[in-house]
Structure formats: structure tokens, C-alpha cells
N, C-alpha and C. Protein backbone atom coordinates (compact mmCIF):
# COMPACT_ATOMS: atom_id res chain seq x y z
N MET A 1 20.81 17.73 -24.90
CA MET A 1 21.80 18.80 -24.95
C MET A 1 21.90 18.69 -26.48
N ARG A 2 21.84 17.60 -27.41
CA ARG A 2 21.60 18.29 -28.80
C ARG A 2 21.27 18.72 -29.22
N GLY A 3 19.71 18.72 -28.74
CA GLY A 3 18.58 19.72 -29.25
C GLY A 3 18.81 21.10 -28.71
N SER A 4 19.38 21.54 -27.90
CA SER A 4 19.49 22.72 -28.08
C SER A 4 20.69 23.86 -28.68
N MET A 5 21.56 22.29 -29.31
CA MET A 5 22.78 22.18 -30.11
C MET A 5 22.03 23.69 -31.31
N TRP A 6 20.90 23.09 -31.59
CA TRP A 6 20.24 23.25 -33.03
C TRP A 6 20.23 25.17 -32.99
N MET A 7 19.57 25.40 -31.73
CA MET A 7 19.42 27.10 -31.32
C MET A 7 20.80 27.77 -31.38
N VAL A 8 21.70 27.07 -30.82
CA VAL A 8 22.84 27.93 -30.39
C VAL A 8 24.23 28.06 -31.39
N LEU A 9 24.26 26.60 -32.25
CA LEU A 9 25.09 26.30 -33.29
C LEU A 9 25.29 27.32 -34.88
N GLY A 10 26.01 28.33 -35.30
CA GLY A 10 25.92 28.93 -36.18
C GLY A 10 26.79 28.72 -37.45
N LEU A 11 26.69 28.21 -38.81
CA LEU A 11 27.56 28.23 -39.90
C LEU A 11 27.74 29.51 -40.77
N VAL A 12 28.57 29.33 -41.24
CA VAL A 12 29.31 30.00 -42.48
C VAL A 12 29.28 29.50 -43.45
N ALA A 13 28.72 29.73 -44.52
CA ALA A 13 28.64 28.84 -45.84
C ALA A 13 30.16 29.20 -46.31
N CYS A 14 30.78 27.92 -46.77
CA CYS A 14 31.74 28.42 -47.39
C CYS A 14 32.67 27.64 -48.39
N GLY A 15 33.46 27.99 -49.56
CA GLY A 15 33.97 27.17 -50.45
C GLY A 15 33.46 27.40 -51.99
N THR A 16 34.06 27.03 -52.57
CA THR A 16 33.91 27.69 -54.07
C THR A 16 34.13 26.40 -55.13
N ARG A 17 33.80 25.30 -54.55
CA ARG A 17 33.77 24.00 -55.42
C ARG A 17 32.09 23.76 -55.83
N GLN A 18 31.91 23.56 -56.82
CA GLN A 18 30.13 23.49 -57.76
C GLN A 18 30.61 22.11 -57.78
N GLU A 19 29.40 21.31 -56.96
CA GLU A 19 28.78 20.17 -57.02
C GLU A 19 27.76 19.97 -57.62
N ALA A 20 28.12 19.05 -58.65
CA ALA A 20 26.54 18.80 -58.67
C ALA A 20 25.62 18.54 -57.65
N PRO A 21 24.06 19.18 -58.43
CA PRO A 21 23.40 19.17 -56.99
C PRO A 21 23.03 17.61 -57.00
N VAL A 22 22.10 17.51 -55.89
CA VAL A 22 21.97 15.98 -55.14
C VAL A 22 20.17 15.78 -56.19
N LYS A 23 20.25 15.25 -56.76
CA LYS A 23 19.20 14.60 -57.73
C LYS A 23 18.10 14.14 -57.11
N THR A 24 16.44 14.53 -57.61
CA THR A 24 15.22 14.29 -56.88
C THR A 24 14.45 13.26 -57.47
N GLU A 25 13.83 12.16 -56.97
CA GLU A 25 12.73 11.26 -58.19
C GLU A 25 12.18 12.29 -58.61
N ASN A 26 11.92 12.83 -58.93
CA ASN A 26 10.91 13.74 -59.61
C ASN A 26 11.71 15.24 -60.13
N PRO A 27 11.48 14.57 -61.58
CA PRO A 27 12.49 15.61 -62.42
C PRO A 27 11.95 17.17 -62.55
N GLN A 28 10.45 17.08 -62.38
CA GLN A 28 9.96 18.46 -63.31
C GLN A 28 10.18 19.69 -61.37
N VAL A 29 10.35 19.28 -60.11
CA VAL A 29 10.31 19.00 -59.37
C VAL A 29 12.08 20.00 -59.43
N GLU A 30 12.71 19.37 -60.30
CA GLU A 30 14.03 20.04 -60.66
C GLU A 30 13.88 21.65 -60.93
N HIS A 31 12.64 21.63 -61.96
CA HIS A 31 12.64 23.16 -62.31
C HIS A 31 12.06 24.06 -61.60
N GLU A 32 11.42 23.57 -60.25
CA GLU A 32 10.64 24.44 -59.91
C GLU A 32 11.36 25.15 -58.50
N ALA A 33 12.48 24.60 -57.95
CA ALA A 33 12.84 25.34 -57.00
C ALA A 33 13.58 26.84 -58.09
N GLU A 34 13.93 27.76 -57.23
CA GLU A 34 14.80 29.19 -57.41
C GLU A 34 15.93 28.66 -56.99
N ALA A 35 17.13 29.52 -57.74
CA ALA A 35 18.71 29.68 -57.06
C ALA A 35 18.24 30.62 -56.67
N THR A 36 17.67 31.60 -55.99
CA THR A 36 18.34 32.88 -55.47
C THR A 36 18.62 33.17 -53.89
N LEU A 37 19.50 33.12 -53.51
CA LEU A 37 19.77 33.19 -51.50
C LEU A 37 19.06 34.58 -51.61
N GLU A 38 18.07 33.68 -50.09
CA GLU A 38 17.09 35.11 -49.06
C GLU A 38 18.09 35.76 -48.79
N PRO A 39 17.91 36.66 -48.47
CA PRO A 39 18.46 37.92 -47.59
C PRO A 39 18.40 37.32 -46.16
N GLY A 40 19.13 37.46 -45.10
CA GLY A 40 19.13 37.36 -44.00
C GLY A 40 18.18 38.27 -43.21
N PRO A 41 17.73 37.89 -42.03
CA PRO A 41 18.15 36.60 -41.11
C PRO A 41 17.28 34.91 -42.05
N TRP A 42 18.39 34.12 -41.83
CA TRP A 42 17.84 32.68 -42.13
C TRP A 42 18.57 31.84 -41.50
N SER A 43 18.38 30.50 -41.53
CA SER A 43 19.51 29.45 -41.11
C SER A 43 18.98 28.45 -41.43
N ILE A 44 20.08 27.49 -41.63
CA ILE A 44 20.10 26.18 -42.03
C ILE A 44 20.23 25.02 -40.86
N ALA A 45 19.83 24.08 -40.74
CA ALA A 45 20.35 23.32 -39.75
C ALA A 45 20.14 21.67 -40.43
N PHE A 46 21.26 20.99 -40.50
CA PHE A 46 21.29 19.66 -41.21
C PHE A 46 21.72 18.56 -39.79
N ALA A 47 20.90 17.57 -40.07
CA ALA A 47 21.54 16.87 -39.20
C ALA A 47 21.73 15.27 -39.90
N ASP A 48 22.55 15.19 -40.67
CA ASP A 48 23.53 14.13 -41.07
C ASP A 48 22.62 12.75 -40.98
N GLY A 49 22.94 11.26 -41.31
CA GLY A 49 22.50 10.21 -41.24
C GLY A 49 23.22 9.60 -39.99
N SER A 50 24.15 10.08 -39.50
CA SER A 50 24.83 9.92 -37.95
C SER A 50 24.47 10.68 -36.91
N GLY A 51 23.95 12.03 -37.08
CA GLY A 51 23.55 12.59 -36.46
C GLY A 51 24.37 14.10 -35.99
N ASN A 52 25.19 13.96 -37.01
CA ASN A 52 26.34 15.43 -37.31
C ASN A 52 25.81 16.18 -37.37
N LEU A 53 25.61 17.43 -36.49
CA LEU A 53 25.06 18.61 -36.95
C LEU A 53 25.88 19.52 -37.57
N THR A 54 25.33 20.29 -38.89
CA THR A 54 25.98 21.58 -39.76
C THR A 54 24.89 22.49 -39.56
N ARG A 55 25.12 23.44 -39.05
CA ARG A 55 24.45 24.31 -39.38
C ARG A 55 25.22 26.28 -40.09
N ILE A 56 24.24 26.46 -40.87
CA ILE A 56 24.36 27.36 -41.89
C ILE A 56 23.58 28.51 -41.97
N TRP A 57 24.07 30.03 -41.35
CA TRP A 57 23.37 30.75 -41.53
C TRP A 57 23.97 32.20 -41.88
N ARG A 58 22.53 33.31 -42.16
CA ARG A 58 23.12 34.36 -42.86
C ARG A 58 22.64 35.48 -42.05
N ASP A 59 22.86 36.23 -40.87
CA ASP A 59 22.46 37.17 -39.90
C ASP A 59 21.87 38.15 -41.33
N ALA A 60 20.89 39.03 -40.43
CA ALA A 60 20.49 40.32 -41.13
C ALA A 60 21.09 41.29 -41.70
N ASP A 61 22.41 41.38 -41.50
CA ASP A 61 23.02 42.81 -41.71
C ASP A 61 24.09 41.71 -42.55
N ALA A 62 24.57 40.47 -42.37
CA ALA A 62 26.03 40.14 -43.09
C ALA A 62 25.86 40.03 -44.19
N ALA A 63 27.37 40.34 -44.77
CA ALA A 63 26.90 40.42 -45.91
C ALA A 63 27.97 38.58 -46.84
N VAL A 64 28.02 37.95 -45.21
CA VAL A 64 28.84 36.32 -45.80
C VAL A 64 27.58 35.17 -44.71
N VAL A 65 27.68 34.38 -45.40
CA VAL A 65 27.07 32.82 -44.84
C VAL A 65 27.93 32.60 -43.77
N GLY A 66 28.03 32.14 -43.02
CA GLY A 66 28.84 31.40 -42.11
C GLY A 66 28.22 29.54 -41.92
N TRP A 67 29.35 28.80 -41.06
CA TRP A 67 28.74 27.47 -40.81
C TRP A 67 29.58 27.12 -39.79
N GLN A 68 28.86 26.19 -39.12
CA GLN A 68 29.57 25.44 -38.29
C GLN A 68 29.09 23.94 -37.91
N TYR A 69 30.32 22.78 -37.90
CA TYR A 69 29.95 21.32 -38.04
C TYR A 69 29.81 21.10 -36.52
N VAL A 70 29.04 20.18 -36.09
CA VAL A 70 29.44 19.94 -34.82
C VAL A 70 29.22 18.63 -34.43
N PRO A 71 30.30 17.41 -34.80
CA PRO A 71 30.04 16.30 -34.97
C PRO A 71 28.94 15.44 -33.92
N VAL A 72 29.23 14.00 -34.37
CA VAL A 72 28.93 13.72 -32.83
C VAL A 72 30.66 12.77 -32.64
N THR A 73 30.58 12.57 -30.90
CA THR A 73 31.60 11.87 -30.18
C THR A 73 31.94 10.63 -29.83
N PRO A 74 32.09 9.92 -29.32
CA PRO A 74 32.12 8.66 -29.15
C PRO A 74 31.50 8.27 -28.07
N GLU A 75 31.44 9.16 -27.24
CA GLU A 75 30.41 9.58 -25.70
C GLU A 75 28.84 9.87 -26.77
N GLU A 76 28.64 10.59 -27.21
CA GLU A 76 27.28 10.49 -27.60
C GLU A 76 26.98 9.09 -29.05
N SER A 77 28.06 9.04 -29.13
CA SER A 77 27.38 7.94 -29.91
C SER A 77 26.88 6.50 -29.43
N SER A 78 25.57 5.60 -30.46
CA SER A 78 25.21 4.92 -29.79
C SER A 78 25.93 3.45 -29.98
N SER A 79 27.24 3.20 -30.63
CA SER A 79 28.25 2.51 -30.67
C SER A 79 29.38 2.58 -29.43
N GLY A 80 29.44 3.74 -28.71
CA GLY A 80 30.43 3.83 -27.91
C GLY A 80 31.41 4.39 -28.74
N THR A 81 32.12 4.30 -29.73
CA THR A 81 32.96 4.67 -30.84
C THR A 81 33.08 5.51 -32.18
N TYR A 82 31.72 5.56 -32.55
CA TYR A 82 31.94 6.47 -33.61
C TYR A 82 31.79 7.61 -33.79
N SER A 83 33.07 8.54 -34.54
CA SER A 83 33.02 9.72 -34.17
C SER A 83 32.50 10.29 -35.61
N GLY A 84 32.10 11.97 -35.78
CA GLY A 84 31.73 12.10 -36.45
C GLY A 84 32.85 13.00 -37.01
N GLY A 85 33.94 13.26 -36.23
CA GLY A 85 35.63 14.41 -37.15
C GLY A 85 35.80 15.23 -36.25
N GLU A 86 36.36 16.07 -36.65
CA GLU A 86 36.60 16.64 -35.54
C GLU A 86 35.39 18.14 -36.06
N PRO A 87 35.04 19.38 -35.06
CA PRO A 87 34.05 20.31 -34.87
C PRO A 87 34.88 21.34 -35.45
N GLY A 88 34.39 22.08 -36.69
CA GLY A 88 35.04 23.50 -37.56
C GLY A 88 33.77 24.53 -37.71
N SER A 89 33.89 25.58 -38.13
CA SER A 89 33.72 26.80 -38.14
C SER A 89 34.38 27.26 -39.35
N GLY A 90 33.24 28.13 -40.63
CA GLY A 90 33.93 29.11 -41.59
C GLY A 90 33.05 29.78 -42.69
N GLU A 91 33.84 29.97 -43.42
CA GLU A 91 32.60 30.92 -44.42
C GLU A 91 32.15 30.07 -45.94
N VAL A 92 31.09 30.10 -46.16
CA VAL A 92 30.48 29.62 -47.79
C VAL A 92 30.65 30.89 -48.65
N ASP A 93 31.16 30.95 -49.88
CA ASP A 93 30.91 32.05 -50.69
C ASP A 93 29.23 32.32 -51.19
N ALA A 94 29.25 32.72 -51.86
CA ALA A 94 27.84 33.04 -52.45
C ALA A 94 27.55 32.42 -53.19
N ALA A 95 28.04 31.84 -54.51
CA ALA A 95 27.47 30.87 -54.81
C ALA A 95 27.04 29.80 -54.53
N GLY A 96 28.29 29.08 -53.43
CA GLY A 96 28.19 27.82 -53.16
C GLY A 96 26.96 27.82 -51.72
N ALA A 97 26.45 29.13 -51.50
CA ALA A 97 25.30 29.34 -50.54
C ALA A 97 23.93 29.39 -51.19
N GLU A 98 24.00 29.79 -52.55
CA GLU A 98 22.70 30.31 -53.69
C GLU A 98 22.84 28.47 -53.95
N ALA A 99 23.61 27.74 -54.34
CA ALA A 99 23.67 26.44 -54.82
C ALA A 99 22.73 25.73 -53.99
N LEU A 100 23.34 25.50 -52.45
CA LEU A 100 22.17 25.24 -51.30
C LEU A 100 21.22 24.82 -51.38
N TRP A 101 20.57 26.36 -51.46
CA TRP A 101 19.94 26.89 -50.90
C TRP A 101 18.73 26.16 -52.00
N ALA A 102 18.87 26.27 -53.09
CA ALA A 102 18.22 25.68 -54.44
C ALA A 102 18.13 24.42 -53.96
N GLU A 103 18.77 23.68 -53.61
CA GLU A 103 19.10 22.15 -53.79
C GLU A 103 17.62 22.20 -52.68
N LEU A 104 18.27 22.92 -52.05
CA LEU A 104 16.95 22.35 -50.16
C LEU A 104 16.03 23.09 -50.86
N ARG A 105 15.56 23.62 -51.54
CA ARG A 105 14.49 24.18 -51.88
C ARG A 105 13.65 22.79 -52.65
N ARG A 106 14.75 22.19 -53.67
CA ARG A 106 14.05 21.22 -54.57
C ARG A 106 13.69 19.81 -53.94
N LEU A 107 14.51 19.55 -52.94
CA LEU A 107 14.86 18.44 -52.25
C LEU A 107 12.98 18.67 -51.16
N GLN A 108 13.40 19.93 -50.87
CA GLN A 108 11.78 20.23 -49.66
C GLN A 108 10.09 20.07 -50.83
N ALA A 109 10.24 20.49 -51.86
CA ALA A 109 9.31 20.41 -52.64
C ALA A 109 8.84 19.08 -53.18
N ASP A 110 9.93 17.72 -52.90
CA ASP A 110 10.18 16.62 -53.61
C ASP A 110 9.93 15.74 -52.45
N PRO A 111 8.11 14.74 -52.32
CA PRO A 111 8.24 14.05 -51.39
C PRO A 111 8.19 12.46 -51.84
N ALA A 112 8.87 12.15 -52.80
CA ALA A 112 9.50 11.32 -53.38
C ALA A 112 10.95 11.03 -52.80
N VAL A 113 11.60 11.97 -52.43
CA VAL A 113 12.34 11.87 -51.54
C VAL A 113 12.68 12.08 -49.96
N HIS A 114 11.03 11.87 -49.38
CA HIS A 114 11.02 12.43 -47.78
C HIS A 114 11.14 11.32 -47.52
N ALA A 115 11.43 11.35 -46.02
CA ALA A 115 11.30 10.34 -45.09
C ALA A 115 9.95 10.21 -44.41
N GLU A 116 9.39 9.27 -43.66
CA GLU A 116 8.41 9.19 -43.20
C GLU A 116 8.87 9.59 -41.86
N THR A 117 9.62 8.71 -41.47
CA THR A 117 10.06 8.66 -39.38
C THR A 117 11.96 9.33 -39.86
N ARG A 118 12.39 9.69 -38.67
CA ARG A 118 13.97 9.64 -38.85
C ARG A 118 14.36 8.67 -38.13
N SER A 119 14.95 7.60 -38.91
CA SER A 119 15.75 6.46 -38.68
C SER A 119 17.13 6.86 -38.86
N MET A 120 18.16 6.31 -38.24
CA MET A 120 19.41 6.04 -38.71
C MET A 120 19.34 5.89 -40.03
N GLY A 121 20.39 6.77 -40.32
CA GLY A 121 20.62 6.53 -41.81
C GLY A 121 19.82 7.88 -42.55
N THR A 122 18.75 8.38 -42.04
CA THR A 122 17.73 8.85 -42.41
C THR A 122 18.49 10.61 -42.13
N GLY A 123 18.58 11.90 -42.69
CA GLY A 123 17.97 12.88 -42.31
C GLY A 123 17.45 13.98 -42.22
N HIS A 124 18.41 15.07 -41.48
CA HIS A 124 16.58 15.76 -40.73
C HIS A 124 17.06 17.24 -41.42
N VAL A 125 16.41 17.93 -42.16
CA VAL A 125 16.82 19.70 -42.30
C VAL A 125 15.75 20.72 -42.19
N SER A 126 16.20 21.62 -41.41
CA SER A 126 15.52 22.20 -41.06
C SER A 126 15.70 23.88 -41.42
N MET A 127 14.93 24.69 -42.20
CA MET A 127 15.09 25.87 -42.89
C MET A 127 13.88 26.62 -42.52
N THR A 128 15.05 28.13 -41.38
CA THR A 128 13.79 28.90 -40.77
C THR A 128 14.83 30.26 -41.46
N THR A 129 13.44 30.86 -41.82
CA THR A 129 13.41 32.42 -42.26
C THR A 129 12.40 33.28 -41.41
N GLU A 130 12.46 34.38 -41.35
CA GLU A 130 11.60 35.73 -41.32
C GLU A 130 10.40 34.91 -41.18
N SER A 131 9.50 34.19 -42.25
CA SER A 131 8.25 33.87 -42.37
C SER A 131 7.84 32.66 -42.00
N GLY A 132 8.80 31.89 -40.75
CA GLY A 132 8.85 30.58 -40.28
C GLY A 132 9.69 29.47 -40.64
N GLU A 133 9.55 28.49 -40.26
CA GLU A 133 10.45 27.18 -40.10
C GLU A 133 9.96 25.83 -40.82
N GLN A 134 10.32 25.63 -41.80
CA GLN A 134 10.68 24.02 -42.28
C GLN A 134 11.10 23.35 -42.05
N THR A 135 10.45 22.06 -41.86
CA THR A 135 11.79 20.91 -41.79
C THR A 135 11.01 19.81 -42.54
N VAL A 136 11.90 19.13 -43.08
CA VAL A 136 11.73 17.80 -43.81
C VAL A 136 12.77 16.42 -43.52
N LEU A 137 12.39 15.50 -43.41
CA LEU A 137 13.19 13.88 -43.43
C LEU A 137 13.44 13.80 -44.70
N LEU A 138 14.90 13.56 -44.74
CA LEU A 138 15.22 12.55 -46.21
C LEU A 138 15.42 11.23 -45.87
N GLU A 139 15.26 10.47 -47.13
CA GLU A 139 16.07 8.91 -47.25
C GLU A 139 17.45 9.57 -46.74
N MET A 140 17.73 7.57 -46.61
CA MET A 140 19.28 7.79 -46.63
C MET A 140 19.98 8.44 -47.78
N LYS A 141 19.68 7.42 -49.04
CA LYS A 141 20.70 8.13 -50.25
C LYS A 141 20.81 9.86 -50.36
N VAL A 142 19.25 10.52 -49.96
CA VAL A 142 19.69 12.03 -50.10
C VAL A 142 20.13 12.31 -49.34
N THR A 143 20.45 11.47 -48.43
CA THR A 143 21.21 12.35 -46.95
C THR A 143 22.56 12.26 -47.21
N ARG A 144 22.76 10.71 -47.54
CA ARG A 144 24.46 10.60 -47.89
C ARG A 144 24.80 11.88 -49.10
N ASP A 145 24.11 11.85 -50.07
CA ASP A 145 24.64 13.05 -51.33
C ASP A 145 24.36 14.28 -50.60
N LEU A 146 23.14 14.49 -49.67
CA LEU A 146 23.60 16.08 -49.27
C LEU A 146 24.57 15.95 -48.24
N ALA A 147 25.09 15.21 -47.66
CA ALA A 147 26.07 15.66 -46.48
C ALA A 147 27.54 15.55 -47.18
N LYS A 148 27.73 14.65 -48.34
CA LYS A 148 28.85 15.14 -49.29
C LYS A 148 29.04 16.34 -50.04
N ARG A 149 27.83 16.93 -50.13
CA ARG A 149 27.77 18.25 -50.84
C ARG A 149 27.94 19.30 -49.89
N ILE A 150 27.42 19.23 -48.66
CA ILE A 150 27.81 19.88 -47.64
C ILE A 150 29.29 20.29 -47.12
N ALA A 151 29.51 19.00 -46.97
CA ALA A 151 30.99 18.87 -46.55
C ALA A 151 31.95 19.44 -47.41
N ALA A 152 31.67 19.40 -48.77
CA ALA A 152 32.66 19.73 -49.70
C ALA A 152 32.10 21.76 -49.85
N LEU A 153 31.23 22.26 -49.32
CA LEU A 153 31.35 23.63 -49.19
C LEU A 153 32.50 23.79 -47.73
N ARG A 154 32.27 23.19 -46.73
CA ARG A 154 33.00 23.41 -45.81
C ARG A 154 34.49 23.02 -46.01
N GLN A 155 34.80 22.17 -46.71
CA GLN A 155 36.51 21.74 -47.08
C GLN A 155 37.41 23.33 -47.43
N PRO A 156 37.10 24.08 -48.02
CA PRO A 156 38.02 24.93 -48.36
C PRO A 156 38.73 25.94 -47.44
N SER A 157 37.20 25.87 -46.18
CA SER A 157 37.95 26.81 -45.12
C SER A 157 38.65 26.23 -43.89
N VAL A 158 38.05 25.20 -44.11
CA VAL A 158 38.97 24.07 -43.29
C VAL A 158 40.35 23.70 -43.83
N GLU A 159 40.76 23.74 -44.95
CA GLU A 159 42.07 23.50 -45.23
C GLU A 159 42.73 25.21 -45.35
N ALA A 160 41.76 26.57 -45.21
CA ALA A 160 42.61 27.46 -45.15
C ALA A 160 43.42 27.65 -44.03
N HIS A 161 42.16 26.64 -42.84
CA HIS A 161 42.87 27.29 -41.27
C HIS A 161 43.42 25.82 -40.81
N GLY A 162 44.26 25.31 -41.79
CA GLY A 162 45.01 24.11 -41.32
C GLY A 162 44.85 23.19 -40.61
N GLU A 163 42.97 22.85 -40.54
CA GLU A 163 42.29 21.86 -39.92
C GLU A 163 42.32 20.93 -40.75
N THR A 164 41.43 19.49 -39.84
CA THR A 164 41.44 18.48 -41.52
C THR A 164 40.41 17.44 -40.53
N ASP A 165 39.87 16.92 -41.17
CA ASP A 165 38.21 16.21 -41.11
C ASP A 165 38.89 14.91 -40.00
């Protein structure tokens, strides 16, 4: 069932906080990624190190970027007790979405931060545009940093709706 969520879930990018970009091991890559947000349609699917899913997308005619968070539930977790928190959805401002897009492009271009296999603690990012889909597996530390960055983008919308993580 989790596999089908990748296709169904949608996120609206939200947030006004400007977090520092996730650092790669290759400083040259930092300058190669453009900080330009592509026009829609596009989507980003991120599975963190625990399997919680965040999807961020922009439709072809949309002025806003959306997000949706689908956490692992205790019933789905290998321990039977882990919970990724409460599900949520909202919007990300253009600056936050643009910064995330550039960050993901940098990570995608830097093989030093890629994981060879998807094991516990590693992350999976899938970026889909009209030109196709690109996926990358990320090392544990980079996955943790990226998960924090994405959670910060989601936070203002969650607070605005009176929900908590």
C-alpha cells in the first residue's frame, strides 16, 4: 500500500523560514545547482530514514506549491510502536520551494552523499518533471538534515491550522 501512496499523495510547499542548505561533501557541487523553481507540473517525493513520506508538488496551472505528509503508523512500523507523528498538508512559499529545489539538485549531483542501497536510516528522493523522473538514495546524515529542512518548511502551515507534530 505504501508504494501506491507515492502516486496519490501531494504536498503544497509551505513555510517562510530560511534554513541553511544541506551541505554536500563536494563544495564544487554547491555552485552547480541552479536555484530556479521549475514551472509545474512537477513533484518531489521524499521518504525519510524511517519511511515517513512527504510529497511536494506544483500543478501545471498552480500558483502555489503544495505538500502532504504521510507518517509511518505503529501498525506499519517494524517495531510495532514507532509513529512518525500526525499527517498534514499545506503550502510552501515560493522562496522555500525554490531553496528546496536547488538543494535537491545539489544533492542529486553529488555522488559523495548517495547511498548504494535503501537501508534503514537512508532516504529516497524522487523528482518528477515533464522531462521524466530522477531518483536518488541519500546517506543517513544527509537524510536526517534534509528531513529537518523539509519539516521546517511544513511547520508554519501546521501551526496555522492548529495542528501539532
